[in-house]
Amino acid sequence: MIPPDDAPTTSAEALSRARALSPLFAARAAQHDEAGAFPVTDFQQLRAAGLFGLMAPRRLGGTGASFGDYVEIAIELACGSGATALVFNMHSSVVGALASLPATLVEDPDRRAEVAEAHDRILAAALTGKLFAVALSERRVGSRLSRMSTTYHEVEQGYRIIGEKSFVSAAGHADLYLVGARSALERDYSTPTVSYFVVPAGSGVEVVRSWDTLGMRATASDDLRLDVTVGRDALLGGVEGLAPTFVQAMPHWMIASYAAVYVGVAESALREARSQLSERGLDHLPAVRGRMGRADAAVAAARLAVREAASRVDRDPGSATTNRWVWRAKLLAGDTAATVASSVLEAAGTAATTRGNPLERIYRDARYGALHPATSDVCADWLGIAALGGDPERDTTVPRW
């Protein structure tokens, strides 16, 4: 793989390229969904457009996009294909989080340069066209870091990681995986030491085909079976136990990045419904107009919430006020996508439920917005504690992560 000759140098240019790709993705989305096939061509085009390096810093040759820039691009891509946008989100979340990881997280000042060099090598991989995926979730525990069973321990070459991961979008297609694992030496399971590692695809990383689902069928979110040894520079941040701190310092990549995708999915439902309703002559019916009016308002509100969260992330990342907007954005986007897709599908009638109809596929994809971490129930609980004057990170009997 080689980097594109004309990678975007500004976020505006990157957004323009995303807008050009979106209709191409939409044209192929049905065949990918029906076959449950990974959208290989979509990612070839994203790579050729230089968007793999969207979040990489400019000093390395990346676009250096902000989180707000990412949000606008993710929405555009999701208007074309929710599945493609979701996989791109996982890639961007790794690159974006790594690009903004504070050097001060490395407590030993003498090691900061070494860790920074390791991170630059990983970021450079994105610029040469490598695709990143996230391998955190596990069966029975979901994305809760405190309950994961995948373990690591030190060996002469670095670290050996053993375990199984589920719902790994782009499994078998990604070049590198961000893997979460807890220390095998841990004795106190109430506060486990959980670390992140960047693991290359290949020997010791086995894909187990398992993804055959209602929606987001083209994401290749299969399982991984791991028994792999990585070098010491694979430890993200160069510090063991960084994972919980990482989530608390940058929850936008674990939570609000999904929100952008599902705002795009909701907008695609509106666009498709408008087209079908007009074509079938149903757009004059008061009940149909009422559904479309409510859907339009709901999508606009969700998009404003996501943009507000993104703006605050760019200005004041990790603050209590910013994080509250991050959780609001995820809740509103996930619930709005499902509600809007359901409503406009009903407005379009039984014909729209036929397999192969874009609204039917969008409806199924939209159902996943509330399920991605943090789920809508978890978001609502977090926000409810905050609304009642409590501390959502501490006032809970069950760890959120």
Protein backbone atom coordinates (compact mmCIF):
# COMPACT_ATOMS: atom_id res chain seq x y z
CA MET A 1 0.00 0.00 0.00
CA ILE A 2 1.19 3.51 -0.81
CA PRO A 3 -0.22 6.85 0.30
CA PRO A 4 -2.39 8.77 -2.19
CA ASP A 5 -0.61 11.29 -4.34
CA ASP A 6 -3.05 14.06 -3.49
CA ALA A 7 -4.16 13.51 0.11
CA PRO A 8 -6.43 16.30 1.38
CA THR A 9 -4.51 19.05 3.13
CA THR A 10 -7.55 20.74 4.66
CA SER A 11 -10.69 19.50 6.38
CA ALA A 12 -12.83 21.31 3.82
CA GLU A 13 -11.16 19.36 1.04
CA ALA A 14 -11.64 16.11 2.96
CA LEU A 15 -15.35 16.91 3.43
CA SER A 16 -15.71 17.60 -0.29
CA ARG A 17 -14.22 14.19 -1.08
CA ALA A 18 -16.54 12.50 1.41
CA ARG A 19 -19.54 14.14 -0.27
CA ALA A 20 -18.38 12.85 -3.64
CA LEU A 21 -17.99 9.31 -2.31
CA SER A 22 -21.31 9.14 -0.43
CA PRO A 23 -23.57 8.51 -3.47
CA LEU A 24 -21.15 5.86 -4.73
CA PHE A 25 -21.44 4.08 -1.40
CA ALA A 26 -25.24 4.35 -1.53
CA ALA A 27 -25.33 2.72 -4.95
CA ARG A 28 -23.50 -0.36 -3.62
CA ALA A 29 -25.03 -0.55 -0.14
CA ALA A 30 -27.87 -2.92 -1.06
CA GLN A 31 -25.63 -5.58 -2.56
CA HIS A 32 -23.25 -5.45 0.42
CA ASP A 33 -26.17 -5.74 2.82
CA GLU A 34 -27.81 -8.63 1.00
CA ALA A 35 -24.60 -10.63 0.83
CA GLY A 36 -23.35 -9.60 4.26
CA ALA A 37 -20.18 -8.67 2.42
CA PHE A 38 -17.53 -6.18 3.52
CA PRO A 39 -17.56 -3.08 1.25
CA VAL A 40 -14.08 -3.58 -0.16
CA THR A 41 -14.52 -1.07 -2.98
CA ASP A 42 -15.76 1.60 -0.58
CA PHE A 43 -12.57 1.31 1.44
CA GLN A 44 -10.39 1.28 -1.64
CA GLN A 45 -11.97 4.61 -2.55
CA LEU A 46 -11.61 5.99 0.97
CA ARG A 47 -7.96 5.01 0.91
CA ALA A 48 -7.41 6.52 -2.55
CA ALA A 49 -9.10 9.73 -1.39
CA GLY A 50 -6.58 10.04 1.44
CA LEU A 51 -9.24 9.85 4.14
CA PHE A 52 -7.47 7.17 6.17
CA GLY A 53 -5.14 9.92 7.34
CA LEU A 54 -7.94 12.33 8.21
CA MET A 55 -7.15 12.39 11.94
CA ALA A 56 -3.37 12.06 11.64
CA PRO A 57 -1.42 15.25 12.49
CA ARG A 58 -0.21 17.54 9.72
CA ARG A 59 3.40 17.24 10.85
CA LEU A 60 3.27 13.61 9.68
CA GLY A 61 1.44 14.41 6.45
CA GLY A 62 -2.12 13.89 7.71
CA THR A 63 -5.06 16.25 7.42
CA GLY A 64 -4.97 17.07 11.13
CA ALA A 65 -8.76 17.19 11.31
CA SER A 66 -10.50 18.11 14.54
CA PHE A 67 -13.24 16.01 16.12
CA GLY A 68 -15.77 18.46 14.74
CA ASP A 69 -14.34 17.94 11.25
CA TYR A 70 -14.62 14.19 11.68
CA VAL A 71 -18.28 14.50 12.71
CA GLU A 72 -19.23 16.32 9.51
CA ILE A 73 -17.40 13.78 7.33
CA ALA A 74 -18.88 10.80 9.17
CA ILE A 75 -22.39 12.17 8.70
CA GLU A 76 -21.80 12.54 4.96
CA LEU A 77 -20.42 9.01 4.60
CA ALA A 78 -23.30 7.54 6.63
CA CYS A 79 -25.80 9.23 4.34
CA GLY A 80 -24.40 6.90 1.69
CA SER A 81 -23.80 3.73 3.69
CA GLY A 82 -24.22 3.36 7.42
CA ALA A 83 -22.11 0.20 7.45
CA THR A 84 -19.18 1.80 5.64
CA ALA A 85 -19.36 4.87 7.89
CA LEU A 86 -19.42 2.70 10.99
CA VAL A 87 -16.23 0.86 10.02
CA PHE A 88 -14.60 4.17 9.08
CA ASN A 89 -15.60 5.43 12.52
CA MET A 90 -13.69 2.60 14.21
CA HIS A 91 -10.59 3.39 12.15
CA SER A 92 -10.87 7.12 12.85
CA SER A 93 -11.42 6.60 16.56
CA VAL A 94 -8.09 4.79 16.88
CA VAL A 95 -6.17 7.32 14.78
CA GLY A 96 -7.90 10.33 16.32
CA ALA A 97 -7.47 9.20 19.90
CA LEU A 98 -3.84 8.31 19.35
CA ALA A 99 -3.13 11.64 17.65
CA SER A 100 -4.52 13.55 20.65
CA LEU A 101 -3.16 11.36 23.44
CA PRO A 102 -1.39 13.68 25.91
CA ALA A 103 2.31 12.94 26.36
CA THR A 104 1.91 13.69 30.06
CA LEU A 105 0.09 10.38 30.50
CA VAL A 106 3.53 8.83 30.40
CA GLU A 107 4.68 9.42 33.96
CA ASP A 108 8.38 8.85 33.27
CA PRO A 109 9.68 11.96 31.41
CA ASP A 110 12.62 9.96 30.08
CA ARG A 111 10.26 7.63 28.21
CA ARG A 112 8.02 10.24 26.62
CA ALA A 113 10.13 10.64 23.51
CA GLU A 114 10.29 6.87 23.04
CA VAL A 115 6.51 6.52 23.38
CA ALA A 116 5.88 9.47 21.05
CA GLU A 117 8.05 7.84 18.39
CA ALA A 118 6.11 4.60 18.73
CA HIS A 119 2.83 6.48 18.33
CA ASP A 120 4.12 8.29 15.25
CA ARG A 121 4.97 4.95 13.65
CA ILE A 122 1.42 3.76 14.24
CA LEU A 123 -0.06 6.98 12.88
CA ALA A 124 2.19 6.78 9.85
CA ALA A 125 0.67 3.39 9.09
CA ALA A 126 -2.72 5.06 8.60
CA LEU A 127 -1.13 7.51 6.18
CA THR A 128 0.21 4.65 4.06
CA GLY A 129 -3.26 3.16 3.78
CA LYS A 130 -3.46 0.76 6.70
CA LEU A 131 -6.94 0.15 8.10
CA PHE A 132 -7.44 0.08 11.88
CA ALA A 133 -10.12 -1.81 13.79
CA VAL A 134 -11.18 -1.95 17.44
CA ALA A 135 -11.21 -5.22 19.41
CA LEU A 136 -12.58 -4.39 22.85
CA SER A 137 -15.98 -6.07 23.24
CA GLU A 138 -16.41 -9.63 24.46
CA ARG A 139 -19.34 -12.00 24.63
CA ARG A 140 -21.34 -11.72 27.86
CA VAL A 141 -19.57 -8.53 29.02
CA GLY A 142 -19.86 -6.24 26.00
CA SER A 143 -17.50 -3.25 26.09
CA ARG A 144 -17.09 -3.18 29.87
CA LEU A 145 -13.33 -3.04 30.33
CA SER A 146 -13.58 -4.03 33.98
CA ARG A 147 -15.13 -7.40 33.10
CA MET A 148 -13.09 -8.49 30.09
CA SER A 149 -11.41 -11.88 30.16
CA THR A 150 -8.69 -11.28 27.54
CA THR A 151 -5.35 -11.15 29.37
CA TYR A 152 -1.77 -10.15 28.74
CA HIS A 153 1.52 -10.83 30.48
CA GLU A 154 5.10 -9.79 29.91
CA VAL A 155 7.43 -12.04 27.95
CA GLU A 156 10.96 -11.53 26.71
CA GLN A 157 9.83 -10.07 23.37
CA GLY A 158 7.20 -7.80 24.90
CA TYR A 159 3.66 -8.97 25.76
CA ARG A 160 1.64 -12.07 25.07
CA ILE A 161 -2.12 -11.50 24.64
CA ILE A 162 -4.61 -14.35 24.96
CA GLY A 163 -8.39 -14.15 24.63
CA GLU A 164 -11.42 -13.77 22.39
CA LYS A 165 -13.11 -10.61 21.13
CA SER A 166 -16.52 -10.08 19.56
CA PHE A 167 -18.18 -7.50 17.29
CA VAL A 168 -14.85 -6.50 15.74
CA SER A 169 -15.88 -4.40 12.75
CA ALA A 170 -13.64 -5.02 9.71
CA ALA A 171 -12.37 -8.29 11.19
CA GLY A 172 -10.24 -9.99 8.58
CA HIS A 173 -9.96 -6.79 6.56
CA ALA A 174 -8.14 -4.54 9.03
CA ASP A 175 -4.37 -4.31 9.10
CA LEU A 176 -4.10 -3.42 12.80
CA TYR A 177 -6.38 -3.94 15.80
CA LEU A 178 -6.67 -1.90 18.98
CA VAL A 179 -6.99 -4.68 21.58
CA GLY A 180 -8.03 -4.23 25.20
CA ALA A 181 -6.69 -6.73 27.74
CA ARG A 182 -6.24 -6.98 31.51
CA SER A 183 -3.10 -8.03 33.32
CA ALA A 184 -2.92 -11.79 33.89
CA LEU A 185 -1.09 -11.08 37.18
CA GLU A 186 -4.10 -9.24 38.60
CA ARG A 187 -5.34 -10.44 41.95
CA ASP A 188 -7.90 -7.71 42.68
CA TYR A 189 -10.58 -8.14 40.03
CA SER A 190 -12.59 -5.20 41.38
CA THR A 191 -10.07 -2.75 39.89
CA PRO A 192 -8.25 -4.64 37.13
CA THR A 193 -5.28 -3.23 35.25
CA VAL A 194 -6.59 -2.87 31.69
CA SER A 195 -4.29 -1.83 28.86
CA TYR A 196 -4.56 -1.16 25.13
CA PHE A 197 -2.30 -2.74 22.52
CA VAL A 198 -1.98 -2.13 18.77
CA VAL A 199 -1.83 -5.63 17.29
CA PRO A 200 -1.06 -6.32 13.61
CA ALA A 201 -3.18 -8.78 11.67
CA GLY A 202 -1.49 -12.08 10.95
CA SER A 203 -0.18 -15.01 12.92
CA GLY A 204 -1.87 -15.35 16.31
CA VAL A 205 -4.93 -13.33 15.24
CA GLU A 206 -7.66 -15.66 13.98
CA VAL A 207 -10.95 -14.41 12.56
CA VAL A 208 -14.02 -16.44 13.56
CA ARG A 209 -16.93 -15.75 11.20
CA SER A 210 -19.99 -15.00 13.32
CA TRP A 211 -21.62 -11.82 11.98
CA ASP A 212 -25.06 -12.60 10.52
CA THR A 213 -27.39 -10.01 11.95
CA LEU A 214 -30.48 -7.86 11.47
CA GLY A 215 -28.63 -4.71 10.42
CA MET A 216 -25.18 -3.30 9.70
CA ARG A 217 -24.64 -6.56 7.85
CA ALA A 218 -21.72 -5.27 5.76
CA THR A 219 -19.44 -4.33 8.67
CA ALA A 220 -17.78 -7.78 8.99
CA SER A 221 -18.08 -7.45 12.77
CA ASP A 222 -16.85 -10.97 13.40
CA ASP A 223 -15.03 -12.47 16.38
CA LEU A 224 -11.27 -12.62 16.93
CA ARG A 225 -9.38 -15.38 18.69
CA LEU A 226 -6.04 -14.08 20.01
CA ASP A 227 -2.87 -15.82 21.07
CA VAL A 228 -0.27 -13.36 19.92
CA THR A 229 3.00 -11.82 21.07
CA VAL A 230 3.67 -8.13 20.38
CA GLY A 231 6.64 -5.87 21.03
CA ARG A 232 6.80 -3.39 23.87
CA ASP A 233 6.07 -0.51 21.53
CA ALA A 234 2.62 -2.01 20.91
CA LEU A 235 1.49 -0.92 24.39
CA LEU A 236 -0.57 2.22 23.82
CA GLY A 237 0.80 5.15 25.78
CA GLY A 238 3.69 3.01 26.96
CA VAL A 239 1.84 2.64 30.26
CA GLU A 240 -0.04 -0.35 31.63
CA GLY A 241 -3.52 0.28 32.98
CA LEU A 242 -4.14 3.28 30.75
CA ALA A 243 -7.50 2.11 29.33
CA PRO A 244 -9.86 3.54 32.02
CA THR A 245 -8.00 6.87 32.01
CA PHE A 246 -8.17 6.90 28.23
CA VAL A 247 -11.96 6.49 28.27
CA GLN A 248 -12.48 9.18 30.90
CA ALA A 249 -10.14 11.66 29.22
CA MET A 250 -11.52 11.14 25.69
CA PRO A 251 -15.03 9.68 25.96
CA HIS A 252 -15.97 11.31 22.67
CA TRP A 253 -14.16 8.62 20.70
CA MET A 254 -15.84 5.82 22.64
CA ILE A 255 -19.30 7.43 22.62
CA ALA A 256 -20.01 10.49 20.46
CA SER A 257 -18.21 9.27 17.34
CA TYR A 258 -21.01 6.70 16.92
CA ALA A 259 -23.50 9.55 17.22
CA ALA A 260 -22.23 11.15 14.02
CA VAL A 261 -22.76 7.92 12.11
CA TYR A 262 -26.36 7.56 13.25
CA VAL A 263 -27.24 11.17 12.50
CA GLY A 264 -26.14 10.35 8.95
CA VAL A 265 -28.24 7.18 8.93
CA ALA A 266 -31.26 9.19 10.13
CA GLU A 267 -30.69 11.77 7.40
CA SER A 268 -30.49 9.02 4.79
CA ALA A 269 -33.88 7.77 5.99
CA LEU A 270 -35.34 11.25 5.49
CA ARG A 271 -33.86 11.60 2.01
CA GLU A 272 -35.02 8.19 0.85
CA ALA A 273 -38.49 8.66 2.32
CA ARG A 274 -38.85 12.02 0.58
CA SER A 275 -37.96 10.42 -2.74
CA GLN A 276 -40.26 7.42 -2.37
CA LEU A 277 -43.21 9.37 -1.00
CA SER A 278 -43.04 11.90 -3.82
CA GLU A 279 -42.63 9.22 -6.48
CA ARG A 280 -45.69 7.34 -5.22
CA GLY A 281 -47.81 10.46 -4.84
CA LEU A 282 -48.20 10.11 -1.09
CA ASP A 283 -46.63 13.44 -0.19
CA HIS A 284 -49.98 15.25 -0.17
CA LEU A 285 -51.41 13.18 2.69
CA PRO A 286 -51.61 15.10 6.02
CA ALA A 287 -50.54 12.04 8.05
CA VAL A 288 -47.48 11.57 5.83
CA ARG A 289 -46.58 15.27 6.01
CA GLY A 290 -46.92 15.13 9.80
CA ARG A 291 -44.56 12.17 10.08
CA MET A 292 -42.01 13.84 7.82
CA GLY A 293 -42.28 17.09 9.74
CA ARG A 294 -41.60 15.41 13.07
CA ALA A 295 -38.78 13.37 11.55
CA ASP A 296 -37.19 16.48 10.07
CA ALA A 297 -37.28 18.27 13.42
CA ALA A 298 -35.90 15.25 15.29
CA VAL A 299 -32.98 14.79 12.89
CA ALA A 300 -32.15 18.50 12.98
CA ALA A 301 -32.15 18.45 16.79
CA ALA A 302 -29.92 15.37 16.94
CA ARG A 303 -27.49 16.90 14.47
CA LEU A 304 -27.32 20.12 16.48
CA ALA A 305 -26.62 18.13 19.65
CA VAL A 306 -23.82 16.19 17.97
CA ARG A 307 -22.33 19.39 16.56
CA GLU A 308 -22.53 21.05 19.97
CA ALA A 309 -20.76 18.09 21.56
CA ALA A 310 -18.08 18.15 18.87
CA SER A 311 -17.55 21.90 19.23
CA ARG A 312 -17.07 21.52 22.97
CA VAL A 313 -14.70 18.56 22.48
CA ASP A 314 -12.55 20.73 20.23
CA ARG A 315 -12.54 23.64 22.71
CA ASP A 316 -12.50 21.92 26.08
CA PRO A 317 -12.02 18.14 25.83
CA GLY A 318 -12.70 16.03 28.89
CA SER A 319 -14.41 18.71 30.98
CA ALA A 320 -17.57 17.84 32.90
CA THR A 321 -19.72 20.07 30.70
CA THR A 322 -18.22 18.70 27.49
CA ASN A 323 -18.67 15.10 28.60
CA ARG A 324 -22.31 15.74 29.43
CA TRP A 325 -22.85 16.90 25.86
CA VAL A 326 -20.99 13.83 24.60
CA TRP A 327 -23.44 11.53 26.40
CA ARG A 328 -26.44 13.61 25.26
CA ALA A 329 -25.28 13.38 21.66
CA LYS A 330 -25.00 9.59 21.73
CA LEU A 331 -28.42 9.15 23.37
CA LEU A 332 -30.21 11.53 21.02
CA ALA A 333 -28.56 10.25 17.83
CA GLY A 334 -29.11 6.58 18.60
CA ASP A 335 -32.73 6.96 19.61
CA THR A 336 -33.52 9.43 16.83
CA ALA A 337 -32.17 7.17 14.09
CA ALA A 338 -34.37 4.28 15.22
CA THR A 339 -37.50 6.43 15.73
CA VAL A 340 -37.19 8.35 12.47
CA ALA A 341 -36.43 5.29 10.35
CA SER A 342 -39.42 3.47 11.83
CA SER A 343 -41.77 6.40 11.32
CA VAL A 344 -40.89 7.14 7.70
CA LEU A 345 -40.98 3.43 6.86
CA GLU A 346 -44.54 3.35 8.17
CA ALA A 347 -45.38 6.46 6.15
CA ALA A 348 -44.10 4.78 2.99
CA GLY A 349 -46.21 1.71 3.63
CA THR A 350 -45.79 -2.03 3.22
CA ALA A 351 -44.03 -1.70 -0.14
CA ALA A 352 -41.08 -0.08 1.64
CA THR A 353 -40.56 -3.17 3.79
CA THR A 354 -39.63 -5.32 0.80
CA ARG A 355 -36.11 -6.71 0.81
CA GLY A 356 -33.98 -4.56 -1.45
CA ASN A 357 -35.90 -1.37 -0.71
CA PRO A 358 -33.42 1.17 0.68
CA LEU A 359 -35.79 2.20 3.47
CA GLU A 360 -35.99 -1.38 4.72
CA ARG A 361 -32.19 -1.60 4.92
CA ILE A 362 -31.86 1.82 6.53
CA TYR A 363 -34.49 0.86 9.11
CA ARG A 364 -32.48 -2.24 10.07
CA ASP A 365 -29.20 -0.31 10.22
CA ALA A 366 -30.79 2.45 12.30
CA ARG A 367 -31.75 -0.04 15.02
CA TYR A 368 -28.08 -0.37 15.99
CA GLY A 369 -27.60 3.24 17.05
CA ALA A 370 -29.00 2.60 20.52
CA LEU A 371 -26.98 -0.61 20.92
CA HIS A 372 -23.45 0.66 20.36
CA PRO A 373 -21.57 1.58 23.54
CA ALA A 374 -22.59 3.36 25.49
CA THR A 375 -26.11 2.00 24.89
CA SER A 376 -29.07 4.36 25.13
CA ASP A 377 -30.02 2.88 28.51
CA VAL A 378 -26.52 3.50 29.88
CA CYS A 379 -26.48 7.02 28.42
CA ALA A 380 -29.85 7.82 29.98
CA ASP A 381 -28.73 6.53 33.38
CA TRP A 382 -25.48 8.57 33.19
CA LEU A 383 -27.41 11.71 32.25
CA GLY A 384 -30.07 11.07 34.88
CA ILE A 385 -27.48 10.94 37.65
CA ALA A 386 -25.96 14.18 36.36
CA ALA A 387 -29.38 15.84 36.13
CA LEU A 388 -30.04 14.93 39.76
CA GLY A 389 -26.79 16.54 40.85
CA GLY A 390 -24.74 13.37 41.24
CA ASP A 391 -21.43 12.23 39.77
CA PRO A 392 -22.16 9.79 36.93
CA GLU A 393 -18.64 8.36 37.04
CA ARG A 394 -18.85 7.44 40.73
CA ASP A 395 -22.53 7.20 41.71
CA THR A 396 -23.19 3.80 40.19
CA THR A 397 -23.26 0.28 41.62
CA VAL A 398 -22.20 -1.25 38.28
CA PRO A 399 -19.02 -0.05 36.51
CA ARG A 400 -19.86 1.53 33.17
CA TRP A 401 -16.64 0.35 31.56
